[in-house]
Amino acid sequence: MARVEPDRAALEVARHMLGSKTSLDDMLKNPTLKAALKAAARRHMRRRDQFDPKKLQANDHDD
């Protein structure tokens, strides 16, 4: 299974989650920071996909 490349928005959220003051472009130039950033962005993308606003609006709770 191929890894999904995170989009720019997910990378920005991941940078904020990591608490870095470094710019996103500078982080992507460093191989170590790039790996950590992409892992956090993939984690964010999985959580983002689980959120369904239409389901919440419909008050449809499948437990």
PDB file of N, CA and C in Angstrom:
ATOM      1  N   MET A   1       0.837  -1.177   0.000  1.00  0.00           N
ATOM      2  CA  MET A   1       0.000   0.000   0.000  1.00  0.00           C
ATOM      3  C   MET A   1       0.886   1.247   0.000  1.00  0.00           C
ATOM      4  N   ALA A   2       0.641   2.119  -0.937  1.00  0.00           N
ATOM      5  CA  ALA A   2       1.442   3.332  -1.061  1.00  0.00           C
ATOM      6  C   ALA A   2       1.006   4.368  -0.031  1.00  0.00           C
ATOM      7  N   ARG A   3       1.963   5.103   0.462  1.00  0.00           N
ATOM      8  CA  ARG A   3       1.645   6.164   1.418  1.00  0.00           C
ATOM      9  C   ARG A   3       1.057   7.363   0.688  1.00  0.00           C
ATOM     10  N   VAL A   4       0.090   7.959   1.328  1.00  0.00           N
ATOM     11  CA  VAL A   4      -0.535   9.151   0.766  1.00  0.00           C
ATOM     12  C   VAL A   4       0.314  10.349   1.158  1.00  0.00           C
ATOM     13  N   GLU A   5       0.609  11.188   0.166  1.00  0.00           N
ATOM     14  CA  GLU A   5       1.375  12.404   0.449  1.00  0.00           C
ATOM     15  C   GLU A   5       0.438  13.452   1.044  1.00  0.00           C
ATOM     16  N   PRO A   6       0.792  14.022   2.175  1.00  0.00           N
ATOM     17  CA  PRO A   6      -0.065  15.033   2.795  1.00  0.00           C
ATOM     18  C   PRO A   6      -0.110  16.320   1.980  1.00  0.00           C
ATOM     19  N   ASP A   7      -1.261  16.974   2.023  1.00  0.00           N
ATOM     20  CA  ASP A   7      -1.399  18.247   1.314  1.00  0.00           C
ATOM     21  C   ASP A   7      -0.806  19.375   2.157  1.00  0.00           C
ATOM     22  N   ARG A   8      -0.753  20.547   1.561  1.00  0.00           N
ATOM     23  CA  ARG A   8      -0.111  21.704   2.210  1.00  0.00           C
ATOM     24  C   ARG A   8      -0.818  22.086   3.518  1.00  0.00           C
ATOM     25  N   ALA A   9      -2.144  22.004   3.519  1.00  0.00           N
ATOM     26  CA  ALA A   9      -2.905  22.353   4.724  1.00  0.00           C
ATOM     27  C   ALA A   9      -2.578  21.396   5.868  1.00  0.00           C
ATOM     28  N   ALA A  10      -2.483  20.105   5.562  1.00  0.00           N
ATOM     29  CA  ALA A  10      -2.148  19.120   6.590  1.00  0.00           C
ATOM     30  C   ALA A  10      -0.731  19.344   7.113  1.00  0.00           C
ATOM     31  N   LEU A  11       0.181  19.744   6.234  1.00  0.00           N
ATOM     32  CA  LEU A  11       1.546  20.029   6.663  1.00  0.00           C
ATOM     33  C   LEU A  11       1.591  21.245   7.597  1.00  0.00           C
ATOM     34  N   GLU A  12       0.784  22.253   7.300  1.00  0.00           N
ATOM     35  CA  GLU A  12       0.729  23.441   8.161  1.00  0.00           C
ATOM     36  C   GLU A  12       0.172  23.090   9.539  1.00  0.00           C
ATOM     37  N   VAL A  13      -0.875  22.279   9.568  1.00  0.00           N
ATOM     38  CA  VAL A  13      -1.447  21.858  10.850  1.00  0.00           C
ATOM     39  C   VAL A  13      -0.432  21.029  11.631  1.00  0.00           C
ATOM     40  N   ALA A  14       0.276  20.156  10.940  1.00  0.00           N
ATOM     41  CA  ALA A  14       1.286  19.324  11.589  1.00  0.00           C
ATOM     42  C   ALA A  14       2.414  20.184  12.160  1.00  0.00           C
ATOM     43  N   ARG A  15       2.806  21.219  11.436  1.00  0.00           N
ATOM     44  CA  ARG A  15       3.850  22.123  11.935  1.00  0.00           C
ATOM     45  C   ARG A  15       3.386  22.781  13.229  1.00  0.00           C
ATOM     46  N   HIS A  16       2.132  23.175  13.261  1.00  0.00           N
ATOM     47  CA  HIS A  16       1.573  23.782  14.475  1.00  0.00           C
ATOM     48  C   HIS A  16       1.499  22.749  15.611  1.00  0.00           C
ATOM     49  N   MET A  17       1.118  21.515  15.280  1.00  0.00           N
ATOM     50  CA  MET A  17       1.030  20.453  16.296  1.00  0.00           C
ATOM     51  C   MET A  17       2.402  20.168  16.909  1.00  0.00           C
ATOM     52  N   LEU A  18       3.440  20.248  16.087  1.00  0.00           N
ATOM     53  CA  LEU A  18       4.799  19.996  16.574  1.00  0.00           C
ATOM     54  C   LEU A  18       5.351  21.182  17.360  1.00  0.00           C
ATOM     55  N   GLY A  19       4.686  22.317  17.271  1.00  0.00           N
ATOM     56  CA  GLY A  19       5.111  23.493  18.033  1.00  0.00           C
ATOM     57  C   GLY A  19       6.372  24.136  17.501  1.00  0.00           C
ATOM     58  N   SER A  20       6.581  24.041  16.205  1.00  0.00           N
ATOM     59  CA  SER A  20       7.795  24.580  15.604  1.00  0.00           C
ATOM     60  C   SER A  20       7.600  26.032  15.189  1.00  0.00           C
ATOM     61  N   LYS A  21       8.616  26.842  15.418  1.00  0.00           N
ATOM     62  CA  LYS A  21       8.612  28.234  14.976  1.00  0.00           C
ATOM     63  C   LYS A  21       9.251  28.371  13.590  1.00  0.00           C
ATOM     64  N   THR A  22       9.875  27.295  13.122  1.00  0.00           N
ATOM     65  CA  THR A  22      10.531  27.284  11.813  1.00  0.00           C
ATOM     66  C   THR A  22       9.482  27.286  10.709  1.00  0.00           C
ATOM     67  N   SER A  23       9.772  27.930   9.598  1.00  0.00           N
ATOM     68  CA  SER A  23       8.818  27.959   8.497  1.00  0.00           C
ATOM     69  C   SER A  23       8.671  26.559   7.897  1.00  0.00           C
ATOM     70  N   LEU A  24       7.549  26.349   7.255  1.00  0.00           N
ATOM     71  CA  LEU A  24       7.263  25.047   6.661  1.00  0.00           C
ATOM     72  C   LEU A  24       8.288  24.682   5.596  1.00  0.00           C
ATOM     73  N   ASP A  25       8.643  25.636   4.753  1.00  0.00           N
ATOM     74  CA  ASP A  25       9.613  25.358   3.695  1.00  0.00           C
ATOM     75  C   ASP A  25      10.981  24.976   4.260  1.00  0.00           C
ATOM     76  N   ASP A  26      11.408  25.636   5.338  1.00  0.00           N
ATOM     77  CA  ASP A  26      12.682  25.287   5.963  1.00  0.00           C
ATOM     78  C   ASP A  26      12.627  23.896   6.596  1.00  0.00           C
ATOM     79  N   MET A  27      11.490  23.543   7.163  1.00  0.00           N
ATOM     80  CA  MET A  27      11.351  22.205   7.755  1.00  0.00           C
ATOM     81  C   MET A  27      11.404  21.122   6.683  1.00  0.00           C
ATOM     82  N   LEU A  28      10.830  21.411   5.528  1.00  0.00           N
ATOM     83  CA  LEU A  28      10.829  20.416   4.450  1.00  0.00           C
ATOM     84  C   LEU A  28      12.211  20.238   3.824  1.00  0.00           C
ATOM     85  N   LYS A  29      13.113  21.181   4.010  1.00  0.00           N
ATOM     86  CA  LYS A  29      14.485  21.061   3.498  1.00  0.00           C
ATOM     87  C   LYS A  29      15.333  20.137   4.365  1.00  0.00           C
ATOM     88  N   ASN A  30      15.008  20.034   5.661  1.00  0.00           N
ATOM     89  CA  ASN A  30      15.745  19.188   6.586  1.00  0.00           C
ATOM     90  C   ASN A  30      15.136  17.785   6.560  1.00  0.00           C
ATOM     91  N   PRO A  31      15.912  16.740   6.195  1.00  0.00           N
ATOM     92  CA  PRO A  31      15.351  15.388   6.065  1.00  0.00           C
ATOM     93  C   PRO A  31      14.720  14.845   7.353  1.00  0.00           C
ATOM     94  N   THR A  32      15.313  15.132   8.487  1.00  0.00           N
ATOM     95  CA  THR A  32      14.776  14.630   9.752  1.00  0.00           C
ATOM     96  C   THR A  32      13.458  15.318  10.094  1.00  0.00           C
ATOM     97  N   LEU A  33      13.432  16.632   9.971  1.00  0.00           N
ATOM     98  CA  LEU A  33      12.208  17.373  10.247  1.00  0.00           C
ATOM     99  C   LEU A  33      11.121  17.051   9.222  1.00  0.00           C
ATOM    100  N   LYS A  34      11.530  16.802   7.989  1.00  0.00           N
ATOM    101  CA  LYS A  34      10.582  16.468   6.937  1.00  0.00           C
ATOM    102  C   LYS A  34       9.858  15.155   7.266  1.00  0.00           C
ATOM    103  N   ALA A  35      10.600  14.161   7.746  1.00  0.00           N
ATOM    104  CA  ALA A  35       9.997  12.874   8.095  1.00  0.00           C
ATOM    105  C   ALA A  35       9.008  13.028   9.257  1.00  0.00           C
ATOM    106  N   ALA A  36       9.404  13.777  10.273  1.00  0.00           N
ATOM    107  CA  ALA A  36       8.519  13.991  11.422  1.00  0.00           C
ATOM    108  C   ALA A  36       7.282  14.780  11.015  1.00  0.00           C
ATOM    109  N   LEU A  37       7.470  15.776  10.181  1.00  0.00           N
ATOM    110  CA  LEU A  37       6.368  16.615   9.729  1.00  0.00           C
ATOM    111  C   LEU A  37       5.367  15.818   8.903  1.00  0.00           C
ATOM    112  N   LYS A  38       5.865  14.998   7.984  1.00  0.00           N
ATOM    113  CA  LYS A  38       4.972  14.206   7.148  1.00  0.00           C
ATOM    114  C   LYS A  38       4.235  13.142   7.957  1.00  0.00           C
ATOM    115  N   ALA A  39       4.889  12.563   8.956  1.00  0.00           N
ATOM    116  CA  ALA A  39       4.212  11.578   9.809  1.00  0.00           C
ATOM    117  C   ALA A  39       3.081  12.239  10.595  1.00  0.00           C
ATOM    118  N   ALA A  40       3.340  13.414  11.137  1.00  0.00           N
ATOM    119  CA  ALA A  40       2.302  14.135  11.881  1.00  0.00           C
ATOM    120  C   ALA A  40       1.182  14.570  10.939  1.00  0.00           C
ATOM    121  N   ALA A  41       1.509  14.947   9.723  1.00  0.00           N
ATOM    122  CA  ALA A  41       0.495  15.377   8.752  1.00  0.00           C
ATOM    123  C   ALA A  41      -0.387  14.197   8.341  1.00  0.00           C
ATOM    124  N   ARG A  42       0.215  13.014   8.168  1.00  0.00           N
ATOM    125  CA  ARG A  42      -0.589  11.832   7.842  1.00  0.00           C
ATOM    126  C   ARG A  42      -1.539  11.484   8.984  1.00  0.00           C
ATOM    127  N   ARG A  43      -1.053  11.621  10.207  1.00  0.00           N
ATOM    128  CA  ARG A  43      -1.889  11.372  11.382  1.00  0.00           C
ATOM    129  C   ARG A  43      -3.064  12.352  11.407  1.00  0.00           C
ATOM    130  N   HIS A  44      -2.788  13.614  11.089  1.00  0.00           N
ATOM    131  CA  HIS A  44      -3.840  14.626  11.030  1.00  0.00           C
ATOM    132  C   HIS A  44      -4.846  14.302   9.929  1.00  0.00           C
ATOM    133  N   MET A  45      -4.374  13.845   8.781  1.00  0.00           N
ATOM    134  CA  MET A  45      -5.266  13.536   7.669  1.00  0.00           C
ATOM    135  C   MET A  45      -6.212  12.388   8.027  1.00  0.00           C
ATOM    136  N   ARG A  46      -5.724  11.394   8.768  1.00  0.00           N
ATOM    137  CA  ARG A  46      -6.595  10.293   9.198  1.00  0.00           C
ATOM    138  C   ARG A  46      -7.690  10.810  10.122  1.00  0.00           C
ATOM    139  N   ARG A  47      -7.321  11.697  11.054  1.00  0.00           N
ATOM    140  CA  ARG A  47      -8.312  12.269  11.964  1.00  0.00           C
ATOM    141  C   ARG A  47      -9.286  13.170  11.223  1.00  0.00           C
ATOM    142  N   ARG A  48      -8.782  13.916  10.254  1.00  0.00           N
ATOM    143  CA  ARG A  48      -9.627  14.824   9.482  1.00  0.00           C
ATOM    144  C   ARG A  48     -10.666  14.039   8.680  1.00  0.00           C
ATOM    145  N   ASP A  49     -10.282  12.871   8.160  1.00  0.00           N
ATOM    146  CA  ASP A  49     -11.210  12.057   7.376  1.00  0.00           C
ATOM    147  C   ASP A  49     -12.303  11.434   8.233  1.00  0.00           C
ATOM    148  N   GLN A  50     -12.060  11.268   9.522  1.00  0.00           N
ATOM    149  CA  GLN A  50     -13.060  10.673  10.408  1.00  0.00           C
ATOM    150  C   GLN A  50     -14.153  11.670  10.775  1.00  0.00           C
ATOM    151  N   PHE A  51     -13.910  12.952  10.632  1.00  0.00           N
ATOM    152  CA  PHE A  51     -14.863  13.995  10.999  1.00  0.00           C
ATOM    153  C   PHE A  51     -15.864  14.186   9.860  1.00  0.00           C
ATOM    154  N   ASP A  52     -17.147  14.019  10.138  1.00  0.00           N
ATOM    155  CA  ASP A  52     -18.185  14.161   9.131  1.00  0.00           C
ATOM    156  C   ASP A  52     -19.211  15.186   9.607  1.00  0.00           C
ATOM    157  N   PRO A  53     -19.098  16.449   9.156  1.00  0.00           N
ATOM    158  CA  PRO A  53     -20.013  17.486   9.644  1.00  0.00           C
ATOM    159  C   PRO A  53     -21.464  17.232   9.259  1.00  0.00           C
ATOM    160  N   LYS A  54     -21.718  16.626   8.104  1.00  0.00           N
ATOM    161  CA  LYS A  54     -23.102  16.355   7.694  1.00  0.00           C
ATOM    162  C   LYS A  54     -23.759  15.361   8.648  1.00  0.00           C
ATOM    163  N   LYS A  55     -22.986  14.381   9.064  1.00  0.00           N
ATOM    164  CA  LYS A  55     -23.509  13.383   9.997  1.00  0.00           C
ATOM    165  C   LYS A  55     -23.816  14.031  11.352  1.00  0.00           C
ATOM    166  N   LEU A  56     -22.972  14.949  11.768  1.00  0.00           N
ATOM    167  CA  LEU A  56     -23.217  15.649  13.024  1.00  0.00           C
ATOM    168  C   LEU A  56     -24.444  16.553  12.918  1.00  0.00           C
ATOM    169  N   GLN A  57     -24.616  17.203  11.775  1.00  0.00           N
ATOM    170  CA  GLN A  57     -25.779  18.067  11.580  1.00  0.00           C
ATOM    171  C   GLN A  57     -27.075  17.270  11.587  1.00  0.00           C
ATOM    172  N   ALA A  58     -27.013  16.058  11.059  1.00  0.00           N
ATOM    173  CA  ALA A  58     -28.201  15.208  11.002  1.00  0.00           C
ATOM    174  C   ALA A  58     -28.459  14.509  12.336  1.00  0.00           C
ATOM    175  N   ASN A  59     -27.542  14.681  13.283  1.00  0.00           N
ATOM    176  CA  ASN A  59     -27.637  14.039  14.600  1.00  0.00           C
ATOM    177  C   ASN A  59     -27.726  12.529  14.469  1.00  0.00           C
ATOM    178  N   ASP A  60     -26.958  11.998  13.522  1.00  0.00           N
ATOM    179  CA  ASP A  60     -26.944  10.566  13.237  1.00  0.00           C
ATOM    180  C   ASP A  60     -25.754   9.940  13.959  1.00  0.00           C
ATOM    181  N   HIS A  61     -26.004   9.315  15.064  1.00  0.00           N
ATOM    182  CA  HIS A  61     -24.937   8.728  15.878  1.00  0.00           C
ATOM    183  C   HIS A  61     -24.963   7.211  15.757  1.00  0.00           C
ATOM    184  N   ASP A  62     -23.975   6.660  15.067  1.00  0.00           N
ATOM    185  CA  ASP A  62     -23.819   5.212  14.957  1.00  0.00           C
ATOM    186  C   ASP A  62     -22.809   4.760  15.984  1.00  0.00           C
ATOM    187  N   ASP A  63     -23.265   4.167  17.021  1.00  0.00           N
ATOM    188  CA  ASP A  63     -22.347   3.704  18.073  1.00  0.00           C
ATOM    189  C   ASP A  63     -22.122   2.238  18.027  1.00  0.00           C
TER     190      ASP A  63
END
